[in-house]
Amino acid sequence: MSVEGIFRKNGNIRRLKDLSETIDRNPSSVNLSEDNPVQVAALMKRFLRDLPDPLLTFKLHKLFITSQSNYLFYIIFEIFLLLHNH
């Protein structure tokens, strides 16, 4: 499946609120296959935005930026993440 601009669109705000509340109450009762891709992407954006800490911590930000311009740093970054998560 291919949907252009999936993360640029907001989805239905009311449906997003309903989905979020339902997931908070009973995650197994939600079937996201019934929603369109834009709505699912909006839900994912909300989830990531509402995280208490970013996925890429500020502590790792400089290493991440450096890794994008140098393959060796990319490998070191990946190893660090693997070690950090265990």
Protein backbone atom coordinates (compact mmCIF):
# COMPACT_ATOMS: atom_id res chain seq x y z
CA MET A 1 0.00 0.00 0.00
CA SER A 2 1.20 3.49 -0.76
CA VAL A 3 -0.29 6.70 0.59
CA GLU A 4 1.42 9.97 -0.25
CA GLY A 5 1.67 12.63 2.46
CA ILE A 6 0.48 10.27 5.19
CA PHE A 7 2.24 12.16 8.00
CA ARG A 8 1.34 15.62 6.73
CA LYS A 9 -2.38 15.09 7.18
CA ASN A 10 -4.12 15.23 10.54
CA GLY A 11 -6.83 12.62 10.24
CA ASN A 12 -10.21 12.99 11.92
CA ILE A 13 -9.70 14.74 15.28
CA ARG A 14 -12.79 13.23 16.92
CA ARG A 15 -11.83 9.70 15.76
CA LEU A 16 -8.28 10.28 17.00
CA LYS A 17 -9.60 11.23 20.44
CA ASP A 18 -11.93 8.21 20.53
CA LEU A 19 -9.14 5.85 19.46
CA SER A 20 -6.75 7.25 22.06
CA GLU A 21 -9.28 6.88 24.85
CA THR A 22 -10.20 3.35 23.79
CA ILE A 23 -6.56 2.29 23.60
CA ASP A 24 -5.95 3.73 27.07
CA ARG A 25 -8.89 1.76 28.47
CA ASN A 26 -8.59 -1.53 26.57
CA PRO A 27 -5.89 -1.76 23.87
CA SER A 28 -6.95 -5.21 22.69
CA SER A 29 -10.40 -3.94 21.74
CA VAL A 30 -9.02 -1.68 18.99
CA ASN A 31 -8.79 -2.91 15.41
CA LEU A 32 -6.71 -0.38 13.47
CA SER A 33 -7.27 -2.24 10.20
CA GLU A 34 -10.70 -0.61 10.14
CA ASP A 35 -9.17 2.88 9.97
CA ASN A 36 -7.56 4.54 6.99
CA PRO A 37 -3.75 4.96 6.87
CA VAL A 38 -3.91 8.70 7.56
CA GLN A 39 -5.85 8.05 10.77
CA VAL A 40 -3.38 5.40 11.94
CA ALA A 41 -0.46 7.72 11.15
CA ALA A 42 -2.14 10.52 13.14
CA LEU A 43 -2.51 8.13 16.07
CA MET A 44 1.16 7.20 15.86
CA LYS A 45 2.16 10.89 15.70
CA ARG A 46 0.09 11.60 18.81
CA PHE A 47 1.65 8.65 20.64
CA LEU A 48 5.19 9.80 19.82
CA ARG A 49 4.38 13.42 20.69
CA ASP A 50 2.90 12.41 24.07
CA LEU A 51 5.84 10.28 25.18
CA PRO A 52 7.34 11.63 28.41
CA ASP A 53 10.84 11.34 26.93
CA PRO A 54 11.78 11.47 23.25
CA LEU A 55 12.78 8.24 21.52
CA LEU A 56 16.10 9.81 20.67
CA THR A 57 17.23 11.30 23.96
CA PHE A 58 18.99 14.63 24.09
CA LYS A 59 22.01 12.78 25.45
CA LEU A 60 22.27 10.82 22.19
CA HIS A 61 21.33 13.65 19.83
CA LYS A 62 24.87 14.75 18.96
CA LEU A 63 25.97 11.17 18.39
CA PHE A 64 22.97 10.60 16.14
CA ILE A 65 23.69 13.72 14.06
CA THR A 66 27.35 12.74 13.72
CA SER A 67 26.42 9.20 12.75
CA GLN A 68 24.43 10.48 9.79
CA SER A 69 27.52 11.95 8.18
CA ASN A 70 29.99 9.20 9.01
CA TYR A 71 29.35 5.49 8.55
CA LEU A 72 31.73 4.48 11.35
CA PHE A 73 29.84 6.64 13.81
CA TYR A 74 26.63 5.07 12.55
CA ILE A 75 27.93 1.61 13.47
CA ILE A 76 29.12 2.84 16.88
CA PHE A 77 25.73 4.46 17.44
CA GLU A 78 23.92 1.22 16.61
CA ILE A 79 26.14 -0.76 18.97
CA PHE A 80 25.60 1.81 21.71
CA LEU A 81 21.85 1.57 21.30
CA LEU A 82 21.95 -2.21 21.45
CA LEU A 83 24.02 -2.11 24.63
CA HIS A 84 21.90 0.66 26.12
CA ASN A 85 18.66 -1.26 25.63
CA HIS A 86 19.89 -4.44 27.35
